[in-house]
């Protein structure tokens, strides 16, 4: 066994949240962010739960809002600026990614 995590809690000495609109390299149409409504642990199980961006900002936001992921704290900073991954605007035929979820990585903290 090289690595094991019991997920009694999200250990931020090991795990980082990806925070981006970039789509993970395959144009997934969701936003990844650091929000406990999307990532949490319970009974030693890690949950990654998608939800609608409109639940947080309202329906009109998808087609007319601006989502800026350049947060002020390290846990809120955009992690992938490629493919307009840090800021998007809903206008005209463009909409903001309608699904929110979480994506965790060990990129800056742990290597196998």
PDB file of N, CA and C in Angstrom:
ATOM      1  N   UNK A   1       0.845  -1.183   0.000  1.00  0.00           N
ATOM      2  CA  UNK A   1       0.000   0.000   0.000  1.00  0.00           C
ATOM      3  C   UNK A   1       0.888   1.244   0.000  1.00  0.00           C
ATOM      4  N   UNK A   2       0.706   2.095  -0.979  1.00  0.00           N
ATOM      5  CA  UNK A   2       1.505   3.307  -1.101  1.00  0.00           C
ATOM      6  C   UNK A   2       0.817   4.499  -0.467  1.00  0.00           C
ATOM      7  N   UNK A   3      -0.487   4.573  -0.611  1.00  0.00           N
ATOM      8  CA  UNK A   3      -1.226   5.725  -0.109  1.00  0.00           C
ATOM      9  C   UNK A   3      -2.623   5.279   0.298  1.00  0.00           C
ATOM     10  N   UNK A   4      -3.087   5.831   1.411  1.00  0.00           N
ATOM     11  CA  UNK A   4      -4.441   5.541   1.871  1.00  0.00           C
ATOM     12  C   UNK A   4      -4.978   6.776   2.568  1.00  0.00           C
ATOM     13  N   UNK A   5      -6.242   7.059   2.320  1.00  0.00           N
ATOM     14  CA  UNK A   5      -6.907   8.167   3.008  1.00  0.00           C
ATOM     15  C   UNK A   5      -8.252   7.658   3.477  1.00  0.00           C
ATOM     16  N   UNK A   6      -8.502   7.757   4.747  1.00  0.00           N
ATOM     17  CA  UNK A   6      -9.759   7.273   5.334  1.00  0.00           C
ATOM     18  C   UNK A   6     -10.902   8.258   5.142  1.00  0.00           C
ATOM     19  N   UNK A   7     -10.590   9.469   4.732  1.00  0.00           N
ATOM     20  CA  UNK A   7     -11.571  10.529   4.494  1.00  0.00           C
ATOM     21  C   UNK A   7     -12.482  10.780   5.693  1.00  0.00           C
ATOM     22  N   UNK A   8     -11.866  10.808   6.869  1.00  0.00           N
ATOM     23  CA  UNK A   8     -12.604  11.278   8.040  1.00  0.00           C
ATOM     24  C   UNK A   8     -12.862  12.776   7.890  1.00  0.00           C
ATOM     25  N   UNK A   9     -12.015  13.429   7.120  1.00  0.00           N
ATOM     26  CA  UNK A   9     -12.129  14.841   6.774  1.00  0.00           C
ATOM     27  C   UNK A   9     -11.293  15.041   5.507  1.00  0.00           C
ATOM     28  N   UNK A  10     -11.475  16.178   4.834  1.00  0.00           N
ATOM     29  CA  UNK A  10     -10.627  16.476   3.679  1.00  0.00           C
ATOM     30  C   UNK A  10      -9.338  17.084   4.211  1.00  0.00           C
ATOM     31  N   UNK A  11      -8.254  16.360   4.051  1.00  0.00           N
ATOM     32  CA  UNK A  11      -6.951  16.774   4.561  1.00  0.00           C
ATOM     33  C   UNK A  11      -6.297  17.711   3.550  1.00  0.00           C
ATOM     34  N   UNK A  12      -6.313  19.011   3.832  1.00  0.00           N
ATOM     35  CA  UNK A  12      -5.775  19.985   2.902  1.00  0.00           C
ATOM     36  C   UNK A  12      -4.254  20.025   2.886  1.00  0.00           C
ATOM     37  N   UNK A  13      -3.603  19.207   3.708  1.00  0.00           N
ATOM     38  CA  UNK A  13      -2.159  19.015   3.573  1.00  0.00           C
ATOM     39  C   UNK A  13      -1.866  18.023   2.455  1.00  0.00           C
ATOM     40  N   UNK A  14      -2.879  17.292   2.012  1.00  0.00           N
ATOM     41  CA  UNK A  14      -2.746  16.312   0.927  1.00  0.00           C
ATOM     42  C   UNK A  14      -3.529  16.736  -0.307  1.00  0.00           C
ATOM     43  N   UNK A  15      -4.755  17.212  -0.119  1.00  0.00           N
ATOM     44  CA  UNK A  15      -5.676  17.481  -1.224  1.00  0.00           C
ATOM     45  C   UNK A  15      -5.839  18.972  -1.497  1.00  0.00           C
ATOM     46  N   UNK A  16      -5.919  19.324  -2.772  1.00  0.00           N
ATOM     47  CA  UNK A  16      -6.261  20.669  -3.235  1.00  0.00           C
ATOM     48  C   UNK A  16      -7.516  20.579  -4.088  1.00  0.00           C
ATOM     49  N   UNK A  17      -8.347  21.578  -4.018  1.00  0.00           N
ATOM     50  CA  UNK A  17      -9.477  21.686  -4.940  1.00  0.00           C
ATOM     51  C   UNK A  17      -8.994  22.358  -6.220  1.00  0.00           C
ATOM     52  N   UNK A  18      -9.415  21.836  -7.354  1.00  0.00           N
ATOM     53  CA  UNK A  18      -9.238  22.576  -8.593  1.00  0.00           C
ATOM     54  C   UNK A  18     -10.338  23.622  -8.643  1.00  0.00           C
ATOM     55  N   UNK A  19      -9.992  24.801  -9.096  1.00  0.00           N
ATOM     56  CA  UNK A  19     -10.944  25.898  -9.205  1.00  0.00           C
ATOM     57  C   UNK A  19     -10.806  26.446 -10.621  1.00  0.00           C
ATOM     58  N   UNK A  20     -11.749  26.069 -11.484  1.00  0.00           N
ATOM     59  CA  UNK A  20     -11.628  26.449 -12.890  1.00  0.00           C
ATOM     60  C   UNK A  20     -12.933  26.225 -13.645  1.00  0.00           C
ATOM     61  N   UNK A  21     -13.039  26.940 -14.738  1.00  0.00           N
ATOM     62  CA  UNK A  21     -14.124  26.764 -15.700  1.00  0.00           C
ATOM     63  C   UNK A  21     -13.595  26.075 -16.960  1.00  0.00           C
ATOM     64  N   UNK A  22     -12.318  25.662 -16.955  1.00  0.00           N
ATOM     65  CA  UNK A  22     -11.639  25.202 -18.168  1.00  0.00           C
ATOM     66  C   UNK A  22     -12.178  23.897 -18.745  1.00  0.00           C
ATOM     67  N   UNK A  23     -12.795  23.063 -17.966  1.00  0.00           N
ATOM     68  CA  UNK A  23     -13.381  21.848 -18.514  1.00  0.00           C
ATOM     69  C   UNK A  23     -12.504  20.619 -18.476  1.00  0.00           C
ATOM     70  N   UNK A  24     -11.443  20.627 -17.722  1.00  0.00           N
ATOM     71  CA  UNK A  24     -10.646  19.424 -17.536  1.00  0.00           C
ATOM     72  C   UNK A  24     -10.000  18.872 -18.800  1.00  0.00           C
ATOM     73  N   UNK A  25      -9.812  19.701 -19.823  1.00  0.00           N
ATOM     74  CA  UNK A  25      -9.162  19.245 -21.044  1.00  0.00           C
ATOM     75  C   UNK A  25     -10.104  18.643 -22.064  1.00  0.00           C
ATOM     76  N   UNK A  26     -11.339  18.377 -21.682  1.00  0.00           N
ATOM     77  CA  UNK A  26     -12.287  17.796 -22.640  1.00  0.00           C
ATOM     78  C   UNK A  26     -13.574  18.616 -22.717  1.00  0.00           C
ATOM     79  N   UNK A  27     -13.469  19.899 -22.369  1.00  0.00           N
ATOM     80  CA  UNK A  27     -14.566  20.863 -22.468  1.00  0.00           C
ATOM     81  C   UNK A  27     -15.803  20.451 -21.679  1.00  0.00           C
ATOM     82  N   UNK A  28     -15.597  19.857 -20.520  1.00  0.00           N
ATOM     83  CA  UNK A  28     -16.722  19.607 -19.619  1.00  0.00           C
ATOM     84  C   UNK A  28     -17.382  20.951 -19.338  1.00  0.00           C
ATOM     85  N   UNK A  29     -18.674  20.982 -19.303  1.00  0.00           N
ATOM     86  CA  UNK A  29     -19.388  22.250 -19.164  1.00  0.00           C
ATOM     87  C   UNK A  29     -19.827  22.463 -17.722  1.00  0.00           C
ATOM     88  N   UNK A  30     -18.827  22.508 -16.838  1.00  0.00           N
ATOM     89  CA  UNK A  30     -19.092  22.723 -15.421  1.00  0.00           C
ATOM     90  C   UNK A  30     -17.995  23.590 -14.841  1.00  0.00           C
ATOM     91  N   UNK A  31     -18.274  24.135 -13.691  1.00  0.00           N
ATOM     92  CA  UNK A  31     -17.276  24.871 -12.941  1.00  0.00           C
ATOM     93  C   UNK A  31     -16.868  24.004 -11.756  1.00  0.00           C
ATOM     94  N   UNK A  32     -15.565  23.916 -11.541  1.00  0.00           N
ATOM     95  CA  UNK A  32     -15.054  23.252 -10.337  1.00  0.00           C
ATOM     96  C   UNK A  32     -14.676  24.335  -9.346  1.00  0.00           C
ATOM     97  N   UNK A  33     -15.130  24.199  -8.094  1.00  0.00           N
ATOM     98  CA  UNK A  33     -14.738  25.158  -7.077  1.00  0.00           C
ATOM     99  C   UNK A  33     -14.671  24.503  -5.713  1.00  0.00           C
ATOM    100  N   UNK A  34     -14.178  25.247  -4.752  1.00  0.00           N
ATOM    101  CA  UNK A  34     -13.966  24.778  -3.387  1.00  0.00           C
ATOM    102  C   UNK A  34     -15.183  25.178  -2.558  1.00  0.00           C
ATOM    103  N   UNK A  35     -16.185  24.319  -2.550  1.00  0.00           N
ATOM    104  CA  UNK A  35     -17.428  24.636  -1.856  1.00  0.00           C
ATOM    105  C   UNK A  35     -17.944  23.366  -1.189  1.00  0.00           C
ATOM    106  N   UNK A  36     -18.297  23.454   0.083  1.00  0.00           N
ATOM    107  CA  UNK A  36     -18.737  22.259   0.812  1.00  0.00           C
ATOM    108  C   UNK A  36     -20.076  21.714   0.328  1.00  0.00           C
ATOM    109  N   UNK A  37     -20.802  22.448  -0.481  1.00  0.00           N
ATOM    110  CA  UNK A  37     -22.013  21.867  -1.071  1.00  0.00           C
ATOM    111  C   UNK A  37     -21.653  20.886  -2.177  1.00  0.00           C
ATOM    112  N   UNK A  38     -20.399  20.949  -2.661  1.00  0.00           N
ATOM    113  CA  UNK A  38     -19.949  20.067  -3.729  1.00  0.00           C
ATOM    114  C   UNK A  38     -18.934  19.024  -3.291  1.00  0.00           C
ATOM    115  N   UNK A  39     -18.221  19.259  -2.219  1.00  0.00           N
ATOM    116  CA  UNK A  39     -17.245  18.276  -1.741  1.00  0.00           C
ATOM    117  C   UNK A  39     -17.254  18.251  -0.217  1.00  0.00           C
ATOM    118  N   UNK A  40     -17.424  17.066   0.314  1.00  0.00           N
ATOM    119  CA  UNK A  40     -17.462  16.922   1.765  1.00  0.00           C
ATOM    120  C   UNK A  40     -17.261  15.448   2.121  1.00  0.00           C
ATOM    121  N   UNK A  41     -17.007  15.201   3.390  1.00  0.00           N
ATOM    122  CA  UNK A  41     -16.882  13.828   3.874  1.00  0.00           C
ATOM    123  C   UNK A  41     -17.948  13.577   4.924  1.00  0.00           C
ATOM    124  N   UNK A  42     -18.365  12.325   4.978  1.00  0.00           N
ATOM    125  CA  UNK A  42     -19.305  11.881   6.002  1.00  0.00           C
ATOM    126  C   UNK A  42     -19.102  10.382   6.180  1.00  0.00           C
ATOM    127  N   UNK A  43     -18.951   9.948   7.417  1.00  0.00           N
ATOM    128  CA  UNK A  43     -18.776   8.526   7.724  1.00  0.00           C
ATOM    129  C   UNK A  43     -17.633   7.915   6.918  1.00  0.00           C
ATOM    130  N   UNK A  44     -16.525   8.652   6.821  1.00  0.00           N
ATOM    131  CA  UNK A  44     -15.310   8.207   6.120  1.00  0.00           C
ATOM    132  C   UNK A  44     -15.520   7.963   4.625  1.00  0.00           C
ATOM    133  N   UNK A  45     -16.447   8.696   4.036  1.00  0.00           N
ATOM    134  CA  UNK A  45     -16.694   8.624   2.596  1.00  0.00           C
ATOM    135  C   UNK A  45     -16.540  10.034   2.038  1.00  0.00           C
ATOM    136  N   UNK A  46     -15.796  10.156   0.935  1.00  0.00           N
ATOM    137  CA  UNK A  46     -15.667  11.432   0.238  1.00  0.00           C
ATOM    138  C   UNK A  46     -16.815  11.561  -0.757  1.00  0.00           C
ATOM    139  N   UNK A  47     -17.530  12.667  -0.691  1.00  0.00           N
ATOM    140  CA  UNK A  47     -18.630  12.930  -1.613  1.00  0.00           C
ATOM    141  C   UNK A  47     -18.262  14.082  -2.537  1.00  0.00           C
ATOM    142  N   UNK A  48     -18.429  13.895  -3.829  1.00  0.00           N
ATOM    143  CA  UNK A  48     -18.307  14.938  -4.838  1.00  0.00           C
ATOM    144  C   UNK A  48     -19.684  15.046  -5.470  1.00  0.00           C
ATOM    145  N   UNK A  49     -20.388  16.115  -5.158  1.00  0.00           N
ATOM    146  CA  UNK A  49     -21.790  16.232  -5.511  1.00  0.00           C
ATOM    147  C   UNK A  49     -22.015  17.434  -6.436  1.00  0.00           C
ATOM    148  N   UNK A  50     -22.424  17.203  -7.675  1.00  0.00           N
ATOM    149  CA  UNK A  50     -22.716  18.333  -8.558  1.00  0.00           C
ATOM    150  C   UNK A  50     -24.042  18.995  -8.192  1.00  0.00           C
ATOM    151  N   UNK A  51     -24.158  20.259  -8.534  1.00  0.00           N
ATOM    152  CA  UNK A  51     -25.423  20.969  -8.409  1.00  0.00           C
ATOM    153  C   UNK A  51     -25.471  22.051  -9.484  1.00  0.00           C
ATOM    154  N   UNK A  52     -26.554  22.786  -9.539  1.00  0.00           N
ATOM    155  CA  UNK A  52     -26.734  23.807 -10.560  1.00  0.00           C
ATOM    156  C   UNK A  52     -26.164  25.150 -10.098  1.00  0.00           C
ATOM    157  N   UNK A  53     -25.444  25.814 -10.964  1.00  0.00           N
ATOM    158  CA  UNK A  53     -24.923  27.143 -10.662  1.00  0.00           C
ATOM    159  C   UNK A  53     -26.081  28.097 -10.362  1.00  0.00           C
ATOM    160  N   UNK A  54     -27.204  27.895 -11.031  1.00  0.00           N
ATOM    161  CA  UNK A  54     -28.370  28.765 -10.819  1.00  0.00           C
ATOM    162  C   UNK A  54     -28.921  28.654  -9.395  1.00  0.00           C
ATOM    163  N   UNK A  55     -28.668  27.548  -8.702  1.00  0.00           N
ATOM    164  CA  UNK A  55     -29.095  27.425  -7.312  1.00  0.00           C
ATOM    165  C   UNK A  55     -28.376  28.439  -6.427  1.00  0.00           C
ATOM    166  N   UNK A  56     -27.192  28.832  -6.830  1.00  0.00           N
ATOM    167  CA  UNK A  56     -26.386  29.782  -6.054  1.00  0.00           C
ATOM    168  C   UNK A  56     -26.597  31.227  -6.511  1.00  0.00           C
ATOM    169  N   UNK A  57     -26.742  31.428  -7.844  1.00  0.00           N
ATOM    170  CA  UNK A  57     -26.769  32.782  -8.393  1.00  0.00           C
ATOM    171  C   UNK A  57     -28.077  33.168  -9.076  1.00  0.00           C
ATOM    172  N   UNK A  58     -28.974  32.226  -9.318  1.00  0.00           N
ATOM    173  CA  UNK A  58     -30.218  32.521 -10.020  1.00  0.00           C
ATOM    174  C   UNK A  58     -30.147  32.150 -11.493  1.00  0.00           C
ATOM    175  N   UNK A  59     -31.294  31.923 -12.095  1.00  0.00           N
ATOM    176  CA  UNK A  59     -31.379  31.488 -13.498  1.00  0.00           C
ATOM    177  C   UNK A  59     -30.791  32.512 -14.467  1.00  0.00           C
ATOM    178  N   UNK A  60     -31.073  33.795 -14.262  1.00  0.00           N
ATOM    179  CA  UNK A  60     -30.617  34.827 -15.192  1.00  0.00           C
ATOM    180  C   UNK A  60     -29.101  34.924 -15.258  1.00  0.00           C
ATOM    181  N   UNK A  61     -28.448  34.548 -14.171  1.00  0.00           N
ATOM    182  CA  UNK A  61     -26.987  34.638 -14.104  1.00  0.00           C
ATOM    183  C   UNK A  61     -26.322  33.824 -15.213  1.00  0.00           C
ATOM    184  N   UNK A  62     -26.866  32.690 -15.549  1.00  0.00           N
ATOM    185  CA  UNK A  62     -26.269  31.794 -16.554  1.00  0.00           C
ATOM    186  C   UNK A  62     -26.117  32.504 -17.898  1.00  0.00           C
ATOM    187  N   UNK A  63     -27.082  33.320 -18.273  1.00  0.00           N
ATOM    188  CA  UNK A  63     -27.037  33.967 -19.586  1.00  0.00           C
ATOM    189  C   UNK A  63     -26.600  35.434 -19.542  1.00  0.00           C
ATOM    190  N   UNK A  64     -26.506  36.023 -18.346  1.00  0.00           N
ATOM    191  CA  UNK A  64     -26.158  37.446 -18.310  1.00  0.00           C
ATOM    192  C   UNK A  64     -25.181  37.825 -17.198  1.00  0.00           C
ATOM    193  N   UNK A  65     -24.694  36.864 -16.435  1.00  0.00           N
ATOM    194  CA  UNK A  65     -23.796  37.167 -15.327  1.00  0.00           C
ATOM    195  C   UNK A  65     -22.335  37.077 -15.707  1.00  0.00           C
ATOM    196  N   UNK A  66     -21.486  37.293 -14.730  1.00  0.00           N
ATOM    197  CA  UNK A  66     -20.042  37.155 -14.889  1.00  0.00           C
ATOM    198  C   UNK A  66     -19.515  36.309 -13.734  1.00  0.00           C
ATOM    199  N   UNK A  67     -18.815  35.245 -14.063  1.00  0.00           N
ATOM    200  CA  UNK A  67     -18.240  34.368 -13.046  1.00  0.00           C
ATOM    201  C   UNK A  67     -16.730  34.542 -13.061  1.00  0.00           C
ATOM    202  N   UNK A  68     -16.192  35.111 -12.015  1.00  0.00           N
ATOM    203  CA  UNK A  68     -14.776  35.420 -11.894  1.00  0.00           C
ATOM    204  C   UNK A  68     -14.205  34.559 -10.771  1.00  0.00           C
ATOM    205  N   UNK A  69     -13.304  33.659 -11.119  1.00  0.00           N
ATOM    206  CA  UNK A  69     -12.727  32.725 -10.147  1.00  0.00           C
ATOM    207  C   UNK A  69     -11.374  33.176  -9.609  1.00  0.00           C
ATOM    208  N   UNK A  70     -11.001  34.425  -9.856  1.00  0.00           N
ATOM    209  CA  UNK A  70      -9.762  34.962  -9.295  1.00  0.00           C
ATOM    210  C   UNK A  70     -10.029  35.436  -7.869  1.00  0.00           C
ATOM    211  N   UNK A  71     -10.229  34.489  -6.960  1.00  0.00           N
ATOM    212  CA  UNK A  71     -10.549  34.807  -5.567  1.00  0.00           C
ATOM    213  C   UNK A  71      -9.401  35.466  -4.834  1.00  0.00           C
ATOM    214  N   UNK A  72      -9.671  35.910  -3.631  1.00  0.00           N
ATOM    215  CA  UNK A  72      -8.678  36.631  -2.850  1.00  0.00           C
ATOM    216  C   UNK A  72      -7.865  35.768  -1.904  1.00  0.00           C
ATOM    217  N   UNK A  73      -8.321  34.558  -1.621  1.00  0.00           N
ATOM    218  CA  UNK A  73      -7.625  33.666  -0.702  1.00  0.00           C
ATOM    219  C   UNK A  73      -7.047  32.484  -1.482  1.00  0.00           C
ATOM    220  N   UNK A  74      -5.971  31.855  -0.992  1.00  0.00           N
ATOM    221  CA  UNK A  74      -5.391  30.717  -1.720  1.00  0.00           C
ATOM    222  C   UNK A  74      -6.404  29.612  -2.043  1.00  0.00           C
ATOM    223  N   UNK A  75      -7.345  29.334  -1.151  1.00  0.00           N
ATOM    224  CA  UNK A  75      -8.335  28.298  -1.394  1.00  0.00           C
ATOM    225  C   UNK A  75      -9.422  28.701  -2.367  1.00  0.00           C
ATOM    226  N   UNK A  76      -9.384  29.962  -2.830  1.00  0.00           N
ATOM    227  CA  UNK A  76     -10.378  30.480  -3.772  1.00  0.00           C
ATOM    228  C   UNK A  76      -9.766  30.913  -5.099  1.00  0.00           C
ATOM    229  N   UNK A  77      -8.485  30.712  -5.293  1.00  0.00           N
ATOM    230  CA  UNK A  77      -7.801  31.179  -6.497  1.00  0.00           C
ATOM    231  C   UNK A  77      -7.964  30.193  -7.650  1.00  0.00           C
ATOM    232  N   UNK A  78      -8.205  30.718  -8.826  1.00  0.00           N
ATOM    233  CA  UNK A  78      -8.319  29.902 -10.030  1.00  0.00           C
ATOM    234  C   UNK A  78      -7.035  29.087 -10.218  1.00  0.00           C
ATOM    235  N   UNK A  79      -7.187  27.809 -10.528  1.00  0.00           N
ATOM    236  CA  UNK A  79      -6.028  26.922 -10.671  1.00  0.00           C
ATOM    237  C   UNK A  79      -5.693  26.585 -12.117  1.00  0.00           C
ATOM    238  N   UNK A  80      -6.556  26.963 -13.074  1.00  0.00           N
ATOM    239  CA  UNK A  80      -6.280  26.661 -14.477  1.00  0.00           C
ATOM    240  C   UNK A  80      -6.872  27.751 -15.365  1.00  0.00           C
ATOM    241  N   UNK A  81      -6.047  28.691 -15.827  1.00  0.00           N
ATOM    242  CA  UNK A  81      -6.553  29.769 -16.657  1.00  0.00           C
ATOM    243  C   UNK A  81      -6.764  29.388 -18.129  1.00  0.00           C
ATOM    244  N   UNK A  82      -6.311  28.208 -18.554  1.00  0.00           N
ATOM    245  CA  UNK A  82      -6.458  27.814 -19.954  1.00  0.00           C
ATOM    246  C   UNK A  82      -7.927  27.744 -20.350  1.00  0.00           C
ATOM    247  N   UNK A  83      -8.201  28.002 -21.617  1.00  0.00           N
ATOM    248  CA  UNK A  83      -9.555  27.890 -22.176  1.00  0.00           C
ATOM    249  C   UNK A  83     -10.557  28.758 -21.407  1.00  0.00           C
ATOM    250  N   UNK A  84     -10.157  29.981 -21.070  1.00  0.00           N
ATOM    251  CA  UNK A  84     -11.035  30.910 -20.343  1.00  0.00           C
ATOM    252  C   UNK A  84     -11.482  30.317 -19.001  1.00  0.00           C
ATOM    253  N   UNK A  85     -10.553  29.647 -18.326  1.00  0.00           N
ATOM    254  CA  UNK A  85     -10.876  28.912 -17.115  1.00  0.00           C
ATOM    255  C   UNK A  85     -11.063  29.726 -15.857  1.00  0.00           C
ATOM    256  N   UNK A  86     -10.730  31.035 -15.889  1.00  0.00           N
ATOM    257  CA  UNK A  86     -10.816  31.823 -14.660  1.00  0.00           C
ATOM    258  C   UNK A  86     -11.923  32.866 -14.676  1.00  0.00           C
ATOM    259  N   UNK A  87     -12.426  33.181 -15.857  1.00  0.00           N
ATOM    260  CA  UNK A  87     -13.461  34.210 -15.921  1.00  0.00           C
ATOM    261  C   UNK A  87     -14.304  33.982 -17.172  1.00  0.00           C
ATOM    262  N   UNK A  88     -15.605  33.971 -16.994  1.00  0.00           N
ATOM    263  CA  UNK A  88     -16.534  33.841 -18.117  1.00  0.00           C
ATOM    264  C   UNK A  88     -17.718  34.759 -17.910  1.00  0.00           C
ATOM    265  N   UNK A  89     -18.283  35.184 -19.041  1.00  0.00           N
ATOM    266  CA  UNK A  89     -19.458  36.052 -19.013  1.00  0.00           C
ATOM    267  C   UNK A  89     -20.578  35.415 -19.818  1.00  0.00           C
ATOM    268  N   UNK A  90     -21.768  35.522 -19.298  1.00  0.00           N
ATOM    269  CA  UNK A  90     -22.946  35.092 -20.036  1.00  0.00           C
ATOM    270  C   UNK A  90     -23.473  36.267 -20.837  1.00  0.00           C
ATOM    271  N   UNK A  91     -23.451  36.139 -22.156  1.00  0.00           N
ATOM    272  CA  UNK A  91     -23.940  37.217 -23.021  1.00  0.00           C
ATOM    273  C   UNK A  91     -24.159  36.652 -24.417  1.00  0.00           C
ATOM    274  N   UNK A  92     -25.184  37.166 -25.098  1.00  0.00           N
ATOM    275  CA  UNK A  92     -25.460  36.693 -26.458  1.00  0.00           C
ATOM    276  C   UNK A  92     -25.705  35.197 -26.462  1.00  0.00           C
ATOM    277  N   UNK A  93     -24.982  34.481 -27.284  1.00  0.00           N
ATOM    278  CA  UNK A  93     -25.120  33.027 -27.365  1.00  0.00           C
ATOM    279  C   UNK A  93     -24.254  32.272 -26.382  1.00  0.00           C
ATOM    280  N   UNK A  94     -23.471  32.976 -25.582  1.00  0.00           N
ATOM    281  CA  UNK A  94     -22.590  32.330 -24.615  1.00  0.00           C
ATOM    282  C   UNK A  94     -23.253  32.275 -23.256  1.00  0.00           C
ATOM    283  N   UNK A  95     -23.201  31.111 -22.642  1.00  0.00           N
ATOM    284  CA  UNK A  95     -23.715  30.981 -21.280  1.00  0.00           C
ATOM    285  C   UNK A  95     -22.590  30.536 -20.356  1.00  0.00           C
ATOM    286  N   UNK A  96     -22.763  30.802 -19.107  1.00  0.00           N
ATOM    287  CA  UNK A  96     -21.805  30.363 -18.086  1.00  0.00           C
ATOM    288  C   UNK A  96     -22.066  28.888 -17.790  1.00  0.00           C
ATOM    289  N   UNK A  97     -21.009  28.164 -17.528  1.00  0.00           N
ATOM    290  CA  UNK A  97     -21.131  26.739 -17.223  1.00  0.00           C
ATOM    291  C   UNK A  97     -22.248  26.529 -16.202  1.00  0.00           C
ATOM    292  N   UNK A  98     -23.271  25.733 -16.532  1.00  0.00           N
ATOM    293  CA  UNK A  98     -24.451  25.633 -15.672  1.00  0.00           C
ATOM    294  C   UNK A  98     -24.340  24.645 -14.514  1.00  0.00           C
ATOM    295  N   UNK A  99     -23.307  23.818 -14.512  1.00  0.00           N
ATOM    296  CA  UNK A  99     -23.144  22.801 -13.467  1.00  0.00           C
ATOM    297  C   UNK A  99     -21.930  23.151 -12.611  1.00  0.00           C
ATOM    298  N   UNK A 100     -22.061  22.991 -11.303  1.00  0.00           N
ATOM    299  CA  UNK A 100     -20.948  23.183 -10.374  1.00  0.00           C
ATOM    300  C   UNK A 100     -20.630  21.847  -9.726  1.00  0.00           C
ATOM    301  N   UNK A 101     -19.344  21.588  -9.548  1.00  0.00           N
ATOM    302  CA  UNK A 101     -18.935  20.357  -8.878  1.00  0.00           C
ATOM    303  C   UNK A 101     -17.576  20.583  -8.231  1.00  0.00           C
ATOM    304  N   UNK A 102     -16.966  19.515  -7.791  1.00  0.00           N
ATOM    305  CA  UNK A 102     -15.643  19.588  -7.172  1.00  0.00           C
ATOM    306  C   UNK A 102     -14.716  18.584  -7.840  1.00  0.00           C
ATOM    307  N   UNK A 103     -13.463  18.946  -7.861  1.00  0.00           N
ATOM    308  CA  UNK A 103     -12.421  18.062  -8.372  1.00  0.00           C
ATOM    309  C   UNK A 103     -11.228  18.246  -7.446  1.00  0.00           C
ATOM    310  N   UNK A 104     -10.764  17.162  -6.867  1.00  0.00           N
ATOM    311  CA  UNK A 104      -9.645  17.209  -5.933  1.00  0.00           C
ATOM    312  C   UNK A 104      -8.403  16.632  -6.579  1.00  0.00           C
ATOM    313  N   UNK A 105      -7.259  17.147  -6.170  1.00  0.00           N
ATOM    314  CA  UNK A 105      -5.978  16.667  -6.712  1.00  0.00           C
ATOM    315  C   UNK A 105      -4.911  16.735  -5.629  1.00  0.00           C
ATOM    316  N   UNK A 106      -3.846  16.021  -5.865  1.00  0.00           N
ATOM    317  CA  UNK A 106      -2.711  16.045  -4.946  1.00  0.00           C
ATOM    318  C   UNK A 106      -1.523  16.760  -5.580  1.00  0.00           C
ATOM    319  N   UNK A 107      -1.723  17.442  -6.684  1.00  0.00           N
ATOM    320  CA  UNK A 107      -0.651  17.994  -7.519  1.00  0.00           C
ATOM    321  C   UNK A 107       0.402  18.779  -6.760  1.00  0.00           C
ATOM    322  N   UNK A 108       0.018  19.599  -5.813  1.00  0.00           N
ATOM    323  CA  UNK A 108       1.003  20.444  -5.131  1.00  0.00           C
ATOM    324  C   UNK A 108       1.410  19.915  -3.761  1.00  0.00           C
ATOM    325  N   UNK A 109       0.849  18.793  -3.349  1.00  0.00           N
ATOM    326  CA  UNK A 109       1.068  18.345  -1.977  1.00  0.00           C
ATOM    327  C   UNK A 109       1.639  16.954  -1.822  1.00  0.00           C
ATOM    328  N   UNK A 110       1.410  16.097  -2.781  1.00  0.00           N
ATOM    329  CA  UNK A 110       1.738  14.693  -2.564  1.00  0.00           C
ATOM    330  C   UNK A 110       2.049  14.049  -3.909  1.00  0.00           C
ATOM    331  N   UNK A 111       3.043  13.195  -3.950  1.00  0.00           N
ATOM    332  CA  UNK A 111       3.374  12.458  -5.163  1.00  0.00           C
ATOM    333  C   UNK A 111       3.469  10.978  -4.852  1.00  0.00           C
ATOM    334  N   UNK A 112       2.998  10.171  -5.781  1.00  0.00           N
ATOM    335  CA  UNK A 112       3.116   8.708  -5.631  1.00  0.00           C
ATOM    336  C   UNK A 112       4.256   8.226  -6.476  1.00  0.00           C
TER     337      UNK A 112
END
